[in-house]
Amino acid sequence: MKSANFLVAFALLAFASSFVSAYDPSPLQDFCVAINDTKNGVFVNGKFCKDPKLVVANDFFFSGLDEPRNTSNAVGSVVTPVSVEQLLGLNTLGVSLARIDFAPYGGLNPPHTHPRGTEILIVQEGTLYVGFVSSNQDKNRLFTKVLNKGDVFVFPIGMIHFQLNIGKTPAVAFSAFSTQNPGTITIADALFGSNPTINPDVLTKAFMLDKNVVKYLQNRIWWQPSRIELGVRTSFRKQM
């Protein structure tokens, strides 16, 4: 019952953040290249809509967020998203959520950003150390907090943030987003696991590392908790 109350609170908070603005809507995809021939075009900022007459209750239904996920992986966490990709009824509604499971003793949702949405997180079980880093203009200030069961923390849109389980037991949190498709960029994976790989000279100078260290990192298997949906693992190795 408490879990249901948490989810209801998230939904209310997310809906309250949605409002009409007098500017272009935020993009719901990474990029949109203009095209003159509409035969080769795609619908922008969302998905094609289903005929309203064919809509059924299951279009607005998702089940399974009560089930614990297997956190036996490199970072000790699993993210189960419920965005428009999993729940088609979210299209155009401007909200989504996710369940995050953390292994005990250091389960980590690594530093990442959501380019298209603000995140509000509530802890259901366990103790998390969470934080985000502000922009260069704000001198990259670090904002952190230790959260216990029932505590809430907000990660502003686009800020690099993380969550770490500092407890001895598994932890569970739920996040709500101010968009149907927040997107995720995991910092380490994006830089050292990009496809194709970034020229090592760029990363060597940017991070002031030895080039051999950069090449080693580029050949690592990078684990992205946010790539895991319903406990299905996806990972890959970059070849030099």
C-alpha atoms as a PDB file:
ATOM      1  CA  MET A   1       0.000   0.000   0.000  1.00  0.00           C
ATOM      2  CA  LYS A   2       2.855   2.353   0.847  1.00  0.00           C
ATOM      3  CA  SER A   3       4.427   1.669  -2.548  1.00  0.00           C
ATOM      4  CA  ALA A   4       1.188   2.632  -4.237  1.00  0.00           C
ATOM      5  CA  ASN A   5       1.077   5.875  -2.239  1.00  0.00           C
ATOM      6  CA  PHE A   6       4.620   6.718  -3.349  1.00  0.00           C
ATOM      7  CA  LEU A   7       3.718   6.205  -7.004  1.00  0.00           C
ATOM      8  CA  VAL A   8       0.592   8.329  -6.681  1.00  0.00           C
ATOM      9  CA  ALA A   9       2.635  11.129  -5.132  1.00  0.00           C
ATOM     10  CA  PHE A  10       5.114  10.960  -8.011  1.00  0.00           C
ATOM     11  CA  ALA A  11       2.382  11.144 -10.602  1.00  0.00           C
ATOM     12  CA  LEU A  12       0.831  14.190  -8.954  1.00  0.00           C
ATOM     13  CA  LEU A  13       4.165  15.986  -8.709  1.00  0.00           C
ATOM     14  CA  ALA A  14       5.029  15.228 -12.314  1.00  0.00           C
ATOM     15  CA  PHE A  15       1.671  16.391 -13.620  1.00  0.00           C
ATOM     16  CA  ALA A  16       1.946  19.589 -11.582  1.00  0.00           C
ATOM     17  CA  SER A  17       5.175  20.419 -13.398  1.00  0.00           C
ATOM     18  CA  SER A  18       3.510  20.285 -16.825  1.00  0.00           C
ATOM     19  CA  PHE A  19       2.313  23.624 -18.178  1.00  0.00           C
ATOM     20  CA  VAL A  20       1.834  25.500 -21.445  1.00  0.00           C
ATOM     21  CA  SER A  21       4.801  27.646 -22.507  1.00  0.00           C
ATOM     22  CA  ALA A  22       5.150  30.282 -25.191  1.00  0.00           C
ATOM     23  CA  TYR A  23       8.232  28.763 -26.798  1.00  0.00           C
ATOM     24  CA  ASP A  24       9.225  25.751 -28.872  1.00  0.00           C
ATOM     25  CA  PRO A  25       8.593  22.450 -27.058  1.00  0.00           C
ATOM     26  CA  SER A  26      11.607  20.542 -25.771  1.00  0.00           C
ATOM     27  CA  PRO A  27      12.800  17.865 -28.224  1.00  0.00           C
ATOM     28  CA  LEU A  28      11.878  14.263 -27.477  1.00  0.00           C
ATOM     29  CA  GLN A  29      14.672  12.787 -29.557  1.00  0.00           C
ATOM     30  CA  ASP A  30      18.415  13.433 -29.751  1.00  0.00           C
ATOM     31  CA  PHE A  31      18.267  15.277 -33.096  1.00  0.00           C
ATOM     32  CA  CYS A  32      15.903  16.099 -35.964  1.00  0.00           C
ATOM     33  CA  VAL A  33      17.401  16.661 -39.423  1.00  0.00           C
ATOM     34  CA  ALA A  34      15.094  18.706 -41.672  1.00  0.00           C
ATOM     35  CA  ILE A  35      13.734  16.934 -44.749  1.00  0.00           C
ATOM     36  CA  ASN A  36      11.762  18.290 -47.716  1.00  0.00           C
ATOM     37  CA  ASP A  37      10.381  14.969 -48.961  1.00  0.00           C
ATOM     38  CA  THR A  38       7.741  13.967 -46.393  1.00  0.00           C
ATOM     39  CA  LYS A  39       7.631  10.427 -47.792  1.00  0.00           C
ATOM     40  CA  ASN A  40      10.963   9.830 -46.059  1.00  0.00           C
ATOM     41  CA  GLY A  41      10.100  11.803 -42.945  1.00  0.00           C
ATOM     42  CA  VAL A  42       9.050  10.762 -39.441  1.00  0.00           C
ATOM     43  CA  PHE A  43       6.713  12.297 -36.902  1.00  0.00           C
ATOM     44  CA  VAL A  44       8.547  14.880 -34.758  1.00  0.00           C
ATOM     45  CA  ASN A  45       8.531  15.111 -30.951  1.00  0.00           C
ATOM     46  CA  GLY A  46       6.731  11.923 -30.130  1.00  0.00           C
ATOM     47  CA  LYS A  47       5.027   9.065 -31.914  1.00  0.00           C
ATOM     48  CA  PHE A  48       2.217   8.699 -34.418  1.00  0.00           C
ATOM     49  CA  CYS A  49      -1.090   8.601 -32.544  1.00  0.00           C
ATOM     50  CA  LYS A  50      -3.456   5.639 -32.420  1.00  0.00           C
ATOM     51  CA  ASP A  51      -6.995   6.198 -33.645  1.00  0.00           C
ATOM     52  CA  PRO A  52      -8.858   7.342 -30.468  1.00  0.00           C
ATOM     53  CA  LYS A  53     -11.691   4.958 -31.290  1.00  0.00           C
ATOM     54  CA  LEU A  54      -9.281   2.035 -30.992  1.00  0.00           C
ATOM     55  CA  VAL A  55      -7.774   3.048 -27.648  1.00  0.00           C
ATOM     56  CA  VAL A  56      -8.266   0.573 -24.766  1.00  0.00           C
ATOM     57  CA  ALA A  57      -7.466   0.554 -21.049  1.00  0.00           C
ATOM     58  CA  ASN A  58      -4.323  -1.544 -21.561  1.00  0.00           C
ATOM     59  CA  ASP A  59      -2.803   1.328 -23.555  1.00  0.00           C
ATOM     60  CA  PHE A  60      -2.497   3.152 -20.213  1.00  0.00           C
ATOM     61  CA  PHE A  61      -1.429   0.162 -18.110  1.00  0.00           C
ATOM     62  CA  PHE A  62       1.960  -1.202 -17.008  1.00  0.00           C
ATOM     63  CA  SER A  63       2.587  -3.958 -14.478  1.00  0.00           C
ATOM     64  CA  GLY A  64       5.614  -5.315 -12.624  1.00  0.00           C
ATOM     65  CA  LEU A  65       7.241  -2.413 -10.782  1.00  0.00           C
ATOM     66  CA  ASP A  66       6.696  -4.253  -7.496  1.00  0.00           C
ATOM     67  CA  GLU A  67       9.169  -6.976  -8.509  1.00  0.00           C
ATOM     68  CA  PRO A  68      12.807  -6.732  -7.275  1.00  0.00           C
ATOM     69  CA  ARG A  69      15.431  -6.741 -10.029  1.00  0.00           C
ATOM     70  CA  ASN A  70      18.692  -8.701 -10.203  1.00  0.00           C
ATOM     71  CA  THR A  71      21.503  -6.268  -9.356  1.00  0.00           C
ATOM     72  CA  SER A  72      24.336  -8.769  -9.907  1.00  0.00           C
ATOM     73  CA  ASN A  73      26.233  -6.669 -12.433  1.00  0.00           C
ATOM     74  CA  ALA A  74      29.314  -4.446 -12.636  1.00  0.00           C
ATOM     75  CA  VAL A  75      27.731  -1.383 -10.998  1.00  0.00           C
ATOM     76  CA  GLY A  76      25.223  -3.113  -8.739  1.00  0.00           C
ATOM     77  CA  SER A  77      22.071  -1.402  -9.954  1.00  0.00           C
ATOM     78  CA  VAL A  78      19.209  -1.852 -12.391  1.00  0.00           C
ATOM     79  CA  VAL A  79      16.893   0.808 -13.799  1.00  0.00           C
ATOM     80  CA  THR A  80      13.441  -0.275 -14.978  1.00  0.00           C
ATOM     81  CA  PRO A  81      11.993   2.605 -17.019  1.00  0.00           C
ATOM     82  CA  VAL A  82       8.339   3.259 -17.702  1.00  0.00           C
ATOM     83  CA  SER A  83       8.564   5.815 -20.477  1.00  0.00           C
ATOM     84  CA  VAL A  84       6.580   6.123 -23.685  1.00  0.00           C
ATOM     85  CA  GLU A  85       8.636   3.228 -25.059  1.00  0.00           C
ATOM     86  CA  GLN A  86       7.134   0.850 -22.478  1.00  0.00           C
ATOM     87  CA  LEU A  87       3.752   2.546 -21.892  1.00  0.00           C
ATOM     88  CA  LEU A  88       2.389   3.940 -25.140  1.00  0.00           C
ATOM     89  CA  GLY A  89      -0.389   5.829 -23.379  1.00  0.00           C
ATOM     90  CA  LEU A  90       2.225   8.274 -22.058  1.00  0.00           C
ATOM     91  CA  ASN A  91       2.660   9.786 -25.522  1.00  0.00           C
ATOM     92  CA  THR A  92       2.196  13.602 -25.362  1.00  0.00           C
ATOM     93  CA  LEU A  93       1.413  13.533 -21.611  1.00  0.00           C
ATOM     94  CA  GLY A  94       4.828  14.810 -20.510  1.00  0.00           C
ATOM     95  CA  VAL A  95       5.466  12.368 -17.635  1.00  0.00           C
ATOM     96  CA  SER A  96       7.263   9.059 -17.033  1.00  0.00           C
ATOM     97  CA  LEU A  97       8.877   7.161 -14.180  1.00  0.00           C
ATOM     98  CA  ALA A  98      11.401   4.458 -13.326  1.00  0.00           C
ATOM     99  CA  ARG A  99      12.207   1.948 -10.619  1.00  0.00           C
ATOM    100  CA  ILE A 100      15.853   1.773  -9.505  1.00  0.00           C
ATOM    101  CA  ASP A 101      17.210  -1.247  -7.601  1.00  0.00           C
ATOM    102  CA  PHE A 102      20.546  -1.058  -5.787  1.00  0.00           C
ATOM    103  CA  ALA A 103      22.719  -3.874  -4.463  1.00  0.00           C
ATOM    104  CA  PRO A 104      23.907  -3.519  -0.852  1.00  0.00           C
ATOM    105  CA  TYR A 105      27.353  -2.164  -0.039  1.00  0.00           C
ATOM    106  CA  GLY A 106      27.827   0.233  -2.929  1.00  0.00           C
ATOM    107  CA  GLY A 107      25.229  -0.388  -5.612  1.00  0.00           C
ATOM    108  CA  LEU A 108      25.629   2.614  -7.926  1.00  0.00           C
ATOM    109  CA  ASN A 109      23.589   4.377 -10.569  1.00  0.00           C
ATOM    110  CA  PRO A 110      26.664   5.973 -12.211  1.00  0.00           C
ATOM    111  CA  PRO A 111      26.971   9.689 -13.028  1.00  0.00           C
ATOM    112  CA  HIS A 112      24.602  10.483 -15.883  1.00  0.00           C
ATOM    113  CA  THR A 113      22.286  13.161 -17.239  1.00  0.00           C
ATOM    114  CA  HIS A 114      18.738  13.318 -18.572  1.00  0.00           C
ATOM    115  CA  PRO A 115      18.843  15.860 -21.418  1.00  0.00           C
ATOM    116  CA  ARG A 116      15.076  16.164 -21.726  1.00  0.00           C
ATOM    117  CA  GLY A 117      13.648  16.146 -18.205  1.00  0.00           C
ATOM    118  CA  THR A 118      13.900  16.995 -14.520  1.00  0.00           C
ATOM    119  CA  GLU A 119      13.933  13.994 -12.164  1.00  0.00           C
ATOM    120  CA  ILE A 120      12.352  13.719  -8.718  1.00  0.00           C
ATOM    121  CA  LEU A 121      13.382  10.659  -6.714  1.00  0.00           C
ATOM    122  CA  ILE A 122      11.892   9.059  -3.599  1.00  0.00           C
ATOM    123  CA  VAL A 123      13.538   6.290  -1.586  1.00  0.00           C
ATOM    124  CA  GLN A 124      11.259   3.335  -0.845  1.00  0.00           C
ATOM    125  CA  GLU A 125      13.819   1.157   0.941  1.00  0.00           C
ATOM    126  CA  GLY A 126      17.413   1.632   2.102  1.00  0.00           C
ATOM    127  CA  THR A 127      19.828   4.542   2.356  1.00  0.00           C
ATOM    128  CA  LEU A 128      21.203   6.405  -0.664  1.00  0.00           C
ATOM    129  CA  TYR A 129      23.924   9.000  -1.080  1.00  0.00           C
ATOM    130  CA  VAL A 130      22.763  11.168  -3.988  1.00  0.00           C
ATOM    131  CA  GLY A 131      23.935  14.343  -5.661  1.00  0.00           C
ATOM    132  CA  PHE A 132      24.309  16.478  -8.752  1.00  0.00           C
ATOM    133  CA  VAL A 133      26.902  18.892 -10.136  1.00  0.00           C
ATOM    134  CA  SER A 134      25.864  22.319 -11.407  1.00  0.00           C
ATOM    135  CA  SER A 135      27.002  23.872 -14.695  1.00  0.00           C
ATOM    136  CA  ASN A 136      30.366  25.484 -15.464  1.00  0.00           C
ATOM    137  CA  GLN A 137      28.731  28.896 -15.086  1.00  0.00           C
ATOM    138  CA  ASP A 138      27.889  27.952 -11.484  1.00  0.00           C
ATOM    139  CA  LYS A 139      31.469  26.729 -10.944  1.00  0.00           C
ATOM    140  CA  ASN A 140      30.444  23.052 -10.936  1.00  0.00           C
ATOM    141  CA  ARG A 141      29.153  23.063  -7.381  1.00  0.00           C
ATOM    142  CA  LEU A 142      28.322  19.660  -5.881  1.00  0.00           C
ATOM    143  CA  PHE A 143      24.971  19.255  -4.105  1.00  0.00           C
ATOM    144  CA  THR A 144      24.651  16.028  -2.096  1.00  0.00           C
ATOM    145  CA  LYS A 145      22.359  14.484   0.486  1.00  0.00           C
ATOM    146  CA  VAL A 146      21.965  11.184   2.311  1.00  0.00           C
ATOM    147  CA  LEU A 147      18.419   9.921   1.761  1.00  0.00           C
ATOM    148  CA  ASN A 148      16.524   7.441   3.893  1.00  0.00           C
ATOM    149  CA  LYS A 149      13.177   5.752   3.360  1.00  0.00           C
ATOM    150  CA  GLY A 150      10.538   8.314   2.367  1.00  0.00           C
ATOM    151  CA  ASP A 151      13.040  11.082   1.538  1.00  0.00           C
ATOM    152  CA  VAL A 152      12.783  12.987  -1.754  1.00  0.00           C
ATOM    153  CA  PHE A 153      15.455  14.706  -3.877  1.00  0.00           C
ATOM    154  CA  VAL A 154      15.242  16.626  -7.164  1.00  0.00           C
ATOM    155  CA  PHE A 155      17.796  16.513  -9.994  1.00  0.00           C
ATOM    156  CA  PRO A 156      17.381  19.557 -12.299  1.00  0.00           C
ATOM    157  CA  ILE A 157      17.161  18.901 -16.030  1.00  0.00           C
ATOM    158  CA  GLY A 158      20.496  18.246 -17.723  1.00  0.00           C
ATOM    159  CA  MET A 159      22.603  18.163 -14.522  1.00  0.00           C
ATOM    160  CA  ILE A 160      25.101  15.319 -14.031  1.00  0.00           C
ATOM    161  CA  HIS A 161      23.854  13.266 -11.077  1.00  0.00           C
ATOM    162  CA  PHE A 162      24.234   9.901  -9.330  1.00  0.00           C
ATOM    163  CA  GLN A 163      22.834   7.639  -6.612  1.00  0.00           C
ATOM    164  CA  LEU A 164      24.890   5.307  -4.393  1.00  0.00           C
ATOM    165  CA  ASN A 165      23.638   2.733  -1.892  1.00  0.00           C
ATOM    166  CA  ILE A 166      25.633   3.292   1.292  1.00  0.00           C
ATOM    167  CA  GLY A 167      23.603   0.793   3.315  1.00  0.00           C
ATOM    168  CA  LYS A 168      24.109  -2.851   4.180  1.00  0.00           C
ATOM    169  CA  THR A 169      20.814  -3.910   2.604  1.00  0.00           C
ATOM    170  CA  PRO A 170      19.342  -3.593  -0.907  1.00  0.00           C
ATOM    171  CA  ALA A 171      17.810  -0.219  -1.712  1.00  0.00           C
ATOM    172  CA  VAL A 172      14.884   0.709  -3.953  1.00  0.00           C
ATOM    173  CA  ALA A 173      13.922   4.126  -5.298  1.00  0.00           C
ATOM    174  CA  PHE A 174      11.332   5.451  -7.726  1.00  0.00           C
ATOM    175  CA  SER A 175      11.933   8.416 -10.016  1.00  0.00           C
ATOM    176  CA  ALA A 176       9.407  10.554 -11.870  1.00  0.00           C
ATOM    177  CA  PHE A 177      10.336  12.696 -14.881  1.00  0.00           C
ATOM    178  CA  SER A 178       8.850  15.839 -16.404  1.00  0.00           C
ATOM    179  CA  THR A 179       8.834  14.261 -19.869  1.00  0.00           C
ATOM    180  CA  GLN A 180       7.583  11.114 -21.562  1.00  0.00           C
ATOM    181  CA  ASN A 181      11.141  10.354 -22.718  1.00  0.00           C
ATOM    182  CA  PRO A 182      13.907  11.839 -20.512  1.00  0.00           C
ATOM    183  CA  GLY A 183      16.807  10.173 -22.328  1.00  0.00           C
ATOM    184  CA  THR A 184      19.948   9.074 -20.487  1.00  0.00           C
ATOM    185  CA  ILE A 185      23.616   9.856 -21.109  1.00  0.00           C
ATOM    186  CA  THR A 186      25.914   7.829 -18.833  1.00  0.00           C
ATOM    187  CA  ILE A 187      29.075   9.933 -18.630  1.00  0.00           C
ATOM    188  CA  ALA A 188      31.769   7.244 -18.530  1.00  0.00           C
ATOM    189  CA  ASP A 189      30.109   5.143 -21.219  1.00  0.00           C
ATOM    190  CA  ALA A 190      29.450   8.105 -23.505  1.00  0.00           C
ATOM    191  CA  LEU A 191      33.065   9.254 -23.398  1.00  0.00           C
ATOM    192  CA  PHE A 192      34.993   5.990 -23.213  1.00  0.00           C
ATOM    193  CA  GLY A 193      32.457   3.645 -24.803  1.00  0.00           C
ATOM    194  CA  SER A 194      31.211   5.742 -27.733  1.00  0.00           C
ATOM    195  CA  ASN A 195      30.617   4.162 -31.132  1.00  0.00           C
ATOM    196  CA  PRO A 196      32.871   4.823 -32.961  1.00  0.00           C
ATOM    197  CA  THR A 197      35.448   5.611 -30.304  1.00  0.00           C
ATOM    198  CA  ILE A 198      36.576   9.158 -29.648  1.00  0.00           C
ATOM    199  CA  ASN A 199      40.130   9.928 -30.764  1.00  0.00           C
ATOM    200  CA  PRO A 200      42.283   9.036 -27.697  1.00  0.00           C
ATOM    201  CA  ASP A 201      44.150  12.334 -28.085  1.00  0.00           C
ATOM    202  CA  VAL A 202      40.955  14.196 -27.210  1.00  0.00           C
ATOM    203  CA  LEU A 203      40.358  12.250 -24.005  1.00  0.00           C
ATOM    204  CA  THR A 204      44.048  12.193 -23.093  1.00  0.00           C
ATOM    205  CA  LYS A 205      44.171  15.984 -23.070  1.00  0.00           C
ATOM    206  CA  ALA A 206      40.693  16.543 -21.616  1.00  0.00           C
ATOM    207  CA  PHE A 207      41.265  14.247 -18.635  1.00  0.00           C
ATOM    208  CA  MET A 208      45.041  14.765 -18.409  1.00  0.00           C
ATOM    209  CA  LEU A 209      45.613  11.010 -18.564  1.00  0.00           C
ATOM    210  CA  ASP A 210      48.251   8.846 -20.171  1.00  0.00           C
ATOM    211  CA  LYS A 211      47.106   7.699 -23.626  1.00  0.00           C
ATOM    212  CA  ASN A 212      47.544   4.048 -22.613  1.00  0.00           C
ATOM    213  CA  VAL A 213      45.089   4.599 -19.754  1.00  0.00           C
ATOM    214  CA  VAL A 214      42.575   6.107 -22.182  1.00  0.00           C
ATOM    215  CA  LYS A 215      42.938   3.168 -24.573  1.00  0.00           C
ATOM    216  CA  TYR A 216      42.494   0.759 -21.660  1.00  0.00           C
ATOM    217  CA  LEU A 217      39.277   2.517 -20.632  1.00  0.00           C
ATOM    218  CA  GLN A 218      38.006   2.503 -24.207  1.00  0.00           C
ATOM    219  CA  ASN A 219      38.392  -1.266 -24.297  1.00  0.00           C
ATOM    220  CA  ARG A 220      36.456  -1.849 -21.095  1.00  0.00           C
ATOM    221  CA  ILE A 221      32.934  -3.291 -20.995  1.00  0.00           C
ATOM    222  CA  TRP A 222      30.724  -0.408 -19.910  1.00  0.00           C
ATOM    223  CA  TRP A 223      27.562  -1.206 -18.014  1.00  0.00           C
ATOM    224  CA  GLN A 224      24.587   1.125 -18.305  1.00  0.00           C
ATOM    225  CA  PRO A 225      21.855   0.515 -15.697  1.00  0.00           C
ATOM    226  CA  SER A 226      19.458   2.678 -17.713  1.00  0.00           C
ATOM    227  CA  ARG A 227      19.833   0.353 -20.721  1.00  0.00           C
ATOM    228  CA  ILE A 228      18.268  -2.446 -18.747  1.00  0.00           C
ATOM    229  CA  GLU A 229      14.535  -2.878 -19.126  1.00  0.00           C
ATOM    230  CA  LEU A 230      12.734  -5.454 -16.995  1.00  0.00           C
ATOM    231  CA  GLY A 231      16.030  -7.007 -15.901  1.00  0.00           C
ATOM    232  CA  VAL A 232      17.392  -7.700 -19.393  1.00  0.00           C
ATOM    233  CA  ARG A 233      21.105  -6.968 -19.609  1.00  0.00           C
ATOM    234  CA  THR A 234      22.720  -5.216 -22.567  1.00  0.00           C
ATOM    235  CA  SER A 235      26.430  -4.477 -22.639  1.00  0.00           C
ATOM    236  CA  PHE A 236      29.145  -4.269 -25.209  1.00  0.00           C
ATOM    237  CA  ARG A 237      32.923  -4.093 -25.650  1.00  0.00           C
ATOM    238  CA  LYS A 238      34.671  -1.534 -27.803  1.00  0.00           C
ATOM    239  CA  GLN A 239      37.488  -2.738 -30.010  1.00  0.00           C
ATOM    240  CA  MET A 240      40.511  -0.562 -30.771  1.00  0.00           C
END
